[in-house]
Amino acid sequence: MGADLNTADYDVLFTGITGLTVVFIIACAILVGGNRMLGRSTKHTLMTCLVLTLGGVVFQWLSWIASGNPELNLYQKIAVAAEFSVAPAIPVAAALAVKHNKKARVMMGVILANMVLEAVSVFVPLVFVVNEQGLYERGPAYPVYIAAYVVGVVYLLICGTFAVKRSQGANYLALGSIVLCLATGIVSQIMAHSSQTSWTAIALSLALYYIYHNDAVQKTDELTGLLNRRTYERHVADLGGPAQIYLLDLNDFKSVNDVLGHATGDEVLSQTAALIRHSFGRAGLCYRTGGDEFVVIVDGVHARSPRLPQSRVDYFLEALEAAREKNPSLCGVSVGYAVLEHGGDVDEAFVRADKMMYEAKRASGATRGGRAKTEAAQ
């Protein structure tokens, strides 16, 4: 047990770990490919990450097998260059699975620059060196490769943070564990390149990332980006107060679909949901519970704040009216709310909010849907 591993034993151990990592990646690819809840773009991006990781694992193993054999120097250099080229690309590709933005082009530029540097290192000792004995050594430009990898991980963290905010999730710890796993693998590799931990860490991180992303997809309404009804029902089941409950219903939304078409109706729902999230999202969780029905639940610390529920409603209605001036297709929205005290009756609070909402609907008079029908007739 206490004896040191000889070279042959280490080769067998490393080959075994590589084999297990490959099987793990293939299993993840099967799960991603068979998941019908993921969008096509997201699925393709995750599959790309897995393929890159598989390539990195194989290239690492090939460079290790060629190590110490001067006759295979060129092959080892190519394998190391390929491995170092794909590693920084993986966190960037994973980030693009959840958020596409203008900085993506900048990140792709960083990745391409690193790839060029690795390719040059095959012939000029920059990022790495393979000496005459066939042994790998770090070159003077090795920190550039590490910088490219760190930039990719930071980019993933930033994009993931925005995605968490957008989906109203509380999965910052899950996102942090993914980044920590990536960082642990690369730090261990920096401290001792013979540890060969970076690709196993990347493979584990991608599995965690898939679980994290899949969980967000299952909780989110695809059209509006708000939390879905299943998540809402779980929240209500655990609701004990104090809390503020807001029910929102679009006025004459059916007329928008009938007169202006379902594409316009979807756009109305999306824009209205964005306004709801903007108005209530910092304090509570926003749900789409039906076709044109939305619920906001404010509990925890924000439910104890001195801000009155009516002030939140007024803020939303003002934002809605401003948006309707720019987009007349938007419907009016009737809102009702109720305050749930600690230990109060949840069902009774929803009944009060529902009653207030329908009173607002009756008092609204002519709604946007009715005007749309009139305008179409003219």
Protein backbone atom coordinates (compact mmCIF):
# COMPACT_ATOMS: atom_id res chain seq x y z
CA MET A 1 0.00 0.00 0.00
CA GLY A 2 2.81 2.42 0.86
CA ALA A 3 5.04 1.56 -2.11
CA ASP A 4 5.46 4.11 -4.89
CA LEU A 5 3.94 3.35 -8.28
CA ASN A 6 6.47 2.49 -10.99
CA THR A 7 6.14 3.80 -14.54
CA ALA A 8 4.30 0.75 -15.82
CA ASP A 9 1.81 0.84 -12.96
CA TYR A 10 1.21 4.56 -13.51
CA ASP A 11 0.62 3.95 -17.23
CA VAL A 12 -2.01 1.34 -16.40
CA LEU A 13 -3.63 3.62 -13.79
CA PHE A 14 -3.70 6.61 -16.13
CA THR A 15 -5.09 4.49 -18.99
CA GLY A 16 -7.80 3.18 -16.68
CA ILE A 17 -8.79 6.68 -15.55
CA THR A 18 -8.82 7.82 -19.17
CA GLY A 19 -11.07 4.91 -20.12
CA LEU A 20 -13.50 5.68 -17.30
CA THR A 21 -13.56 9.35 -18.29
CA VAL A 22 -14.32 8.43 -21.91
CA VAL A 23 -17.20 6.16 -20.84
CA PHE A 24 -18.50 8.93 -18.58
CA ILE A 25 -18.44 11.45 -21.45
CA ILE A 26 -20.25 9.03 -23.78
CA ALA A 27 -22.92 8.44 -21.12
CA CYS A 28 -23.41 12.21 -20.77
CA ALA A 29 -23.70 12.53 -24.55
CA ILE A 30 -26.42 9.88 -24.60
CA LEU A 31 -28.35 11.74 -21.88
CA VAL A 32 -28.04 15.07 -23.71
CA GLY A 33 -28.98 13.58 -27.07
CA GLY A 34 -32.08 11.90 -25.65
CA ASN A 35 -33.33 14.93 -23.70
CA ARG A 36 -36.33 16.31 -25.59
CA MET A 37 -36.71 19.26 -23.22
CA LEU A 38 -33.49 20.90 -24.40
CA GLY A 39 -33.65 23.30 -27.33
CA ARG A 40 -31.82 22.30 -30.51
CA SER A 41 -29.22 25.05 -30.17
CA THR A 42 -28.51 24.23 -26.52
CA LYS A 43 -28.31 20.52 -27.27
CA HIS A 44 -25.86 21.08 -30.13
CA THR A 45 -23.69 23.34 -27.95
CA LEU A 46 -23.57 20.84 -25.09
CA MET A 47 -22.74 18.04 -27.53
CA THR A 48 -19.94 20.20 -28.91
CA CYS A 49 -18.56 20.62 -25.39
CA LEU A 50 -18.64 16.87 -24.84
CA VAL A 51 -16.95 16.14 -28.18
CA LEU A 52 -14.22 18.69 -27.40
CA THR A 53 -13.73 17.12 -23.98
CA LEU A 54 -13.53 13.65 -25.48
CA GLY A 55 -10.90 14.91 -27.91
CA GLY A 56 -8.93 16.54 -25.10
CA VAL A 57 -8.95 13.35 -23.03
CA VAL A 58 -7.75 11.27 -25.97
CA PHE A 59 -5.04 13.78 -26.93
CA GLN A 60 -3.81 13.87 -23.34
CA TRP A 61 -3.57 10.08 -23.27
CA LEU A 62 -1.74 9.98 -26.62
CA SER A 63 0.79 12.59 -25.46
CA TRP A 64 1.36 10.57 -22.27
CA ILE A 65 1.87 7.33 -24.20
CA ALA A 66 4.35 9.05 -26.55
CA SER A 67 6.24 10.60 -23.62
CA GLY A 68 9.82 9.44 -23.26
CA ASN A 69 10.06 8.17 -26.84
CA PRO A 70 12.16 10.58 -28.95
CA GLU A 71 10.95 8.90 -32.14
CA LEU A 72 7.42 10.11 -31.39
CA ASN A 73 8.38 13.71 -30.58
CA LEU A 74 6.36 15.22 -33.43
CA TYR A 75 3.27 13.18 -32.61
CA GLN A 76 3.54 14.14 -28.96
CA LYS A 77 3.85 17.82 -29.87
CA ILE A 78 0.75 17.61 -32.07
CA ALA A 79 -1.21 15.85 -29.31
CA VAL A 80 -0.19 18.44 -26.70
CA ALA A 81 -1.03 21.32 -29.06
CA ALA A 82 -4.45 19.83 -29.78
CA GLU A 83 -5.13 19.28 -26.08
CA PHE A 84 -4.12 22.84 -25.17
CA SER A 85 -6.18 24.22 -28.06
CA VAL A 86 -9.52 22.71 -27.07
CA ALA A 87 -9.32 23.17 -23.26
CA PRO A 88 -10.05 26.94 -23.14
CA ALA A 89 -12.78 26.52 -25.79
CA ILE A 90 -14.94 24.27 -23.61
CA PRO A 91 -16.04 26.78 -20.91
CA VAL A 92 -16.73 29.33 -23.67
CA ALA A 93 -18.89 26.85 -25.58
CA ALA A 94 -20.71 25.94 -22.36
CA ALA A 95 -21.37 29.65 -21.70
CA LEU A 96 -22.85 30.04 -25.18
CA ALA A 97 -25.34 27.30 -24.34
CA VAL A 98 -27.11 29.67 -21.94
CA LYS A 99 -26.35 33.16 -23.20
CA HIS A 100 -25.36 34.59 -26.59
CA ASN A 101 -24.04 38.14 -26.54
CA LYS A 102 -21.76 40.49 -28.40
CA LYS A 103 -18.76 39.51 -26.28
CA ALA A 104 -18.96 36.00 -27.73
CA ARG A 105 -16.98 37.21 -30.77
CA VAL A 106 -14.26 38.55 -28.48
CA MET A 107 -14.10 35.21 -26.68
CA MET A 108 -13.88 33.33 -29.97
CA GLY A 109 -10.98 35.62 -30.89
CA VAL A 110 -9.20 34.62 -27.66
CA ILE A 111 -9.78 30.93 -28.43
CA LEU A 112 -8.51 31.24 -32.01
CA ALA A 113 -5.44 33.20 -30.87
CA ASN A 114 -4.64 30.45 -28.36
CA MET A 115 -5.05 27.81 -31.07
CA VAL A 116 -2.63 29.63 -33.34
CA LEU A 117 -0.11 29.91 -30.50
CA GLU A 118 -0.40 26.18 -29.79
CA ALA A 119 0.09 25.33 -33.46
CA VAL A 120 3.24 27.50 -33.61
CA SER A 121 4.51 25.78 -30.44
CA VAL A 122 4.76 22.50 -32.38
CA PHE A 123 7.71 24.04 -34.23
CA VAL A 124 8.88 26.82 -31.87
CA PRO A 125 9.15 26.22 -28.08
CA LEU A 126 6.58 28.73 -26.83
CA VAL A 127 3.74 27.24 -24.77
CA PHE A 128 5.38 23.85 -24.36
CA VAL A 129 8.58 22.01 -25.17
CA VAL A 130 9.24 18.35 -25.93
CA ASN A 131 12.96 17.82 -25.33
CA GLU A 132 15.33 15.39 -27.05
CA GLN A 133 14.48 12.68 -24.53
CA GLY A 134 10.81 12.97 -25.53
CA LEU A 135 9.77 14.57 -22.22
CA TYR A 136 7.20 17.36 -22.01
CA GLU A 137 8.15 20.67 -20.39
CA ARG A 138 6.37 24.00 -20.06
CA GLY A 139 7.51 26.79 -22.33
CA PRO A 140 7.87 30.52 -21.63
CA ALA A 141 4.40 31.26 -23.06
CA TYR A 142 2.63 28.64 -20.90
CA PRO A 143 0.95 31.40 -18.79
CA VAL A 144 -0.80 32.59 -21.97
CA TYR A 145 -2.56 29.23 -22.25
CA ILE A 146 -3.53 29.37 -18.56
CA ALA A 147 -4.82 32.94 -19.04
CA ALA A 148 -6.99 31.85 -21.98
CA TYR A 149 -8.44 29.03 -19.88
CA VAL A 150 -9.12 31.32 -16.90
CA VAL A 151 -10.78 33.91 -19.14
CA GLY A 152 -13.05 31.17 -20.49
CA VAL A 153 -14.02 30.04 -16.98
CA VAL A 154 -14.73 33.65 -15.92
CA TYR A 155 -16.86 34.13 -19.03
CA LEU A 156 -18.82 30.98 -18.13
CA LEU A 157 -19.33 32.30 -14.60
CA ILE A 158 -20.61 35.66 -15.87
CA CYS A 159 -22.99 34.13 -18.43
CA GLY A 160 -24.18 31.58 -15.88
CA THR A 161 -24.89 34.33 -13.36
CA PHE A 162 -27.05 36.21 -15.86
CA ALA A 163 -28.83 32.96 -16.72
CA VAL A 164 -29.61 32.34 -13.05
CA LYS A 165 -31.04 35.83 -12.71
CA ARG A 166 -33.08 35.44 -15.88
CA SER A 167 -34.59 32.15 -14.73
CA GLN A 168 -35.12 33.52 -11.19
CA GLY A 169 -33.28 30.49 -9.83
CA ALA A 170 -31.32 30.32 -6.62
CA ASN A 171 -28.68 28.02 -8.06
CA TYR A 172 -25.65 30.23 -7.47
CA LEU A 173 -24.12 27.49 -5.32
CA ALA A 174 -24.56 24.97 -8.14
CA LEU A 175 -22.94 27.37 -10.59
CA GLY A 176 -20.12 28.01 -8.12
CA SER A 177 -19.51 24.26 -7.74
CA ILE A 178 -19.09 23.95 -11.52
CA VAL A 179 -16.54 26.75 -11.64
CA LEU A 180 -14.77 25.36 -8.55
CA CYS A 181 -14.50 21.96 -10.21
CA LEU A 182 -12.96 23.51 -13.33
CA ALA A 183 -10.58 25.60 -11.24
CA THR A 184 -9.51 22.67 -9.05
CA GLY A 185 -8.58 20.59 -12.08
CA ILE A 186 -6.49 23.27 -13.72
CA VAL A 187 -4.80 24.41 -10.47
CA SER A 188 -3.78 20.84 -9.73
CA GLN A 189 -2.41 20.57 -13.26
CA ILE A 190 -0.42 23.79 -12.83
CA MET A 191 1.08 22.64 -9.53
CA ALA A 192 2.10 19.25 -10.93
CA HIS A 193 1.55 18.51 -14.62
CA SER A 194 1.95 14.79 -13.97
CA SER A 195 -1.31 14.82 -11.94
CA GLN A 196 -3.33 14.73 -15.20
CA THR A 197 -6.53 15.91 -13.50
CA SER A 198 -7.71 18.73 -15.74
CA TRP A 199 -9.74 16.66 -18.23
CA THR A 200 -11.42 14.56 -15.58
CA ALA A 201 -12.39 17.80 -13.84
CA ILE A 202 -13.74 19.22 -17.11
CA ALA A 203 -15.80 16.08 -17.75
CA LEU A 204 -17.28 16.21 -14.23
CA SER A 205 -17.98 19.93 -14.64
CA LEU A 206 -19.89 19.32 -17.86
CA ALA A 207 -22.02 16.69 -16.13
CA LEU A 208 -22.78 19.16 -13.32
CA TYR A 209 -23.48 21.84 -15.91
CA TYR A 210 -25.94 19.59 -17.72
CA ILE A 211 -27.76 18.82 -14.46
CA TYR A 212 -27.82 22.53 -13.58
CA HIS A 213 -29.09 23.57 -17.03
CA ASN A 214 -31.64 20.75 -17.22
CA ASP A 215 -33.02 21.73 -13.82
CA ALA A 216 -33.45 25.32 -15.02
CA VAL A 217 -35.21 24.15 -18.20
CA GLN A 218 -37.65 22.00 -16.22
CA LYS A 219 -38.57 24.94 -13.98
CA THR A 220 -39.00 27.55 -16.72
CA ASP A 221 -41.83 28.35 -19.10
CA GLU A 222 -40.33 28.18 -22.58
CA LEU A 223 -42.23 31.10 -24.15
CA THR A 224 -41.99 33.73 -21.42
CA GLY A 225 -38.90 32.69 -19.46
CA LEU A 226 -40.86 32.89 -16.21
CA LEU A 227 -41.12 29.97 -13.83
CA ASN A 228 -43.70 27.40 -14.88
CA ARG A 229 -46.83 26.04 -13.23
CA ARG A 230 -45.16 22.94 -11.79
CA THR A 231 -42.63 25.10 -9.94
CA TYR A 232 -45.44 27.44 -8.84
CA GLU A 233 -47.43 24.56 -7.32
CA ARG A 234 -44.38 23.40 -5.35
CA HIS A 235 -43.88 26.94 -4.04
CA VAL A 236 -47.51 27.25 -2.98
CA ALA A 237 -47.38 23.86 -1.24
CA ASP A 238 -44.53 25.15 0.94
CA LEU A 239 -45.98 28.63 1.45
CA GLY A 240 -46.58 29.51 5.07
CA GLY A 241 -46.30 33.29 5.20
CA PRO A 242 -45.67 36.03 5.60
CA ALA A 243 -46.10 36.62 1.87
CA GLN A 244 -47.67 38.85 -0.73
CA ILE A 245 -49.60 37.12 -3.51
CA TYR A 246 -50.28 38.86 -6.83
CA LEU A 247 -52.56 37.46 -9.53
CA LEU A 248 -52.34 38.99 -13.02
CA ASP A 249 -54.61 38.28 -15.98
CA LEU A 250 -54.51 39.81 -19.47
CA ASN A 251 -57.70 41.55 -20.60
CA ASP A 252 -59.34 40.10 -23.72
CA PHE A 253 -56.19 38.26 -24.74
CA LYS A 254 -58.30 35.87 -26.85
CA SER A 255 -59.19 38.79 -29.12
CA VAL A 256 -55.50 39.43 -29.79
CA ASN A 257 -55.03 35.82 -30.90
CA ASP A 258 -58.22 35.84 -32.99
CA VAL A 259 -57.68 39.20 -34.69
CA LEU A 260 -53.90 39.70 -34.80
CA GLY A 261 -52.77 36.06 -34.87
CA HIS A 262 -51.01 33.69 -32.51
CA ALA A 263 -47.55 35.02 -33.38
CA THR A 264 -48.59 38.45 -32.10
CA GLY A 265 -50.24 36.77 -29.12
CA ASP A 266 -46.97 35.05 -28.22
CA GLU A 267 -45.13 38.36 -28.52
CA VAL A 268 -47.70 40.01 -26.23
CA LEU A 269 -47.21 37.26 -23.63
CA SER A 270 -43.42 37.54 -23.83
CA GLN A 271 -43.39 41.32 -23.48
CA THR A 272 -45.91 41.26 -20.65
CA ALA A 273 -43.88 38.61 -18.84
CA ALA A 274 -40.75 40.75 -19.22
CA LEU A 275 -42.60 43.68 -17.63
CA ILE A 276 -43.79 41.47 -14.78
CA ARG A 277 -40.27 40.23 -14.15
CA HIS A 278 -38.90 43.78 -14.32
CA SER A 279 -41.51 45.09 -11.87
CA PHE A 280 -41.68 42.24 -9.38
CA GLY A 281 -38.63 40.05 -10.03
CA ARG A 282 -36.27 41.68 -7.54
CA ALA A 283 -38.66 41.04 -4.68
CA GLY A 284 -40.50 37.85 -5.62
CA LEU A 285 -40.78 34.91 -7.97
CA CYS A 286 -42.81 35.32 -11.15
CA TYR A 287 -44.79 32.47 -12.68
CA ARG A 288 -46.83 31.83 -15.80
CA THR A 289 -49.59 29.55 -14.52
CA GLY A 290 -51.88 29.44 -17.57
CA GLY A 291 -52.31 30.78 -21.09
CA ASP A 292 -52.54 34.45 -20.10
CA GLU A 293 -52.43 34.05 -16.33
CA PHE A 294 -49.49 35.02 -14.15
CA VAL A 295 -48.73 34.86 -10.44
CA VAL A 296 -46.09 36.64 -8.36
CA ILE A 297 -45.25 35.46 -4.86
CA VAL A 298 -43.21 37.73 -2.62
CA ASP A 299 -42.08 36.01 0.56
CA GLY A 300 -39.08 35.94 2.84
CA VAL A 301 -37.32 39.21 3.64
CA HIS A 302 -39.10 41.18 0.92
CA ALA A 303 -42.53 40.28 2.32
CA ARG A 304 -41.55 42.04 5.55
CA SER A 305 -40.44 45.24 3.80
CA PRO A 306 -42.47 48.41 4.45
CA ARG A 307 -43.30 48.76 0.75
CA LEU A 308 -47.07 48.33 0.26
CA PRO A 309 -48.38 45.82 -2.29
CA GLN A 310 -50.33 48.55 -4.07
CA SER A 311 -47.12 50.48 -4.76
CA ARG A 312 -45.69 47.41 -6.55
CA VAL A 313 -48.88 47.13 -8.59
CA ASP A 314 -48.82 50.82 -9.49
CA TYR A 315 -45.20 50.54 -10.60
CA PHE A 316 -46.09 47.61 -12.87
CA LEU A 317 -49.16 49.33 -14.35
CA GLU A 318 -47.17 52.47 -15.10
CA ALA A 319 -44.51 50.41 -16.87
CA LEU A 320 -47.25 48.59 -18.79
CA GLU A 321 -48.89 51.80 -19.98
CA ALA A 322 -45.53 53.15 -21.13
CA ALA A 323 -44.93 49.93 -23.07
CA ARG A 324 -48.42 50.05 -24.63
CA GLU A 325 -47.69 53.48 -26.03
CA LYS A 326 -44.84 51.91 -28.00
CA ASN A 327 -46.67 48.67 -28.79
CA PRO A 328 -50.47 49.09 -29.01
CA SER A 329 -50.90 45.33 -29.37
CA LEU A 330 -50.20 44.84 -25.67
CA CYS A 331 -53.24 44.02 -23.56
CA GLY A 332 -54.32 45.71 -20.40
CA VAL A 333 -53.69 43.63 -17.28
CA SER A 334 -55.98 43.17 -14.30
CA VAL A 335 -54.18 42.69 -10.99
CA GLY A 336 -55.32 41.46 -7.62
CA TYR A 337 -53.30 40.88 -4.50
CA ALA A 338 -53.55 39.63 -0.95
CA VAL A 339 -51.27 39.63 2.07
CA LEU A 340 -50.71 36.29 3.77
CA GLU A 341 -49.76 36.54 7.42
CA HIS A 342 -47.55 33.99 9.13
CA GLY A 343 -49.61 30.83 9.68
CA GLY A 344 -52.48 32.23 7.61
CA ASP A 345 -54.80 30.31 5.28
CA VAL A 346 -53.09 30.13 1.88
CA ASP A 347 -56.25 29.17 -0.03
CA GLU A 348 -58.20 32.05 1.52
CA ALA A 349 -55.44 34.50 0.53
CA PHE A 350 -55.62 33.32 -3.08
CA VAL A 351 -59.41 33.69 -3.03
CA ARG A 352 -59.06 37.31 -1.88
CA ALA A 353 -56.47 38.06 -4.55
CA ASP A 354 -58.65 36.39 -7.20
CA LYS A 355 -61.70 38.40 -6.16
CA MET A 356 -59.76 41.66 -6.32
CA MET A 357 -58.40 40.78 -9.75
CA TYR A 358 -61.85 40.16 -11.22
CA GLU A 359 -63.17 43.35 -9.69
CA ALA A 360 -60.34 45.16 -11.49
CA LYS A 361 -61.26 43.35 -14.72
CA ARG A 362 -64.93 44.38 -14.46
CA ALA A 363 -63.92 47.98 -13.71
CA SER A 364 -61.52 48.14 -16.67
CA GLY A 365 -64.30 48.65 -19.24
CA ALA A 366 -63.12 48.53 -22.84
CA THR A 367 -59.96 46.45 -23.04
CA ARG A 368 -57.18 46.27 -25.56
CA GLY A 369 -58.64 43.12 -27.10
CA GLY A 370 -62.00 44.83 -27.64
CA ARG A 371 -60.33 47.81 -29.31
CA ALA A 372 -58.33 45.48 -31.52
CA LYS A 373 -61.52 43.85 -32.69
CA THR A 374 -63.12 47.23 -33.41
CA GLU A 375 -60.06 48.47 -35.27
CA ALA A 376 -59.97 45.30 -37.37
CA ALA A 377 -63.64 45.74 -38.28
CA GLN A 378 -63.00 49.30 -39.40
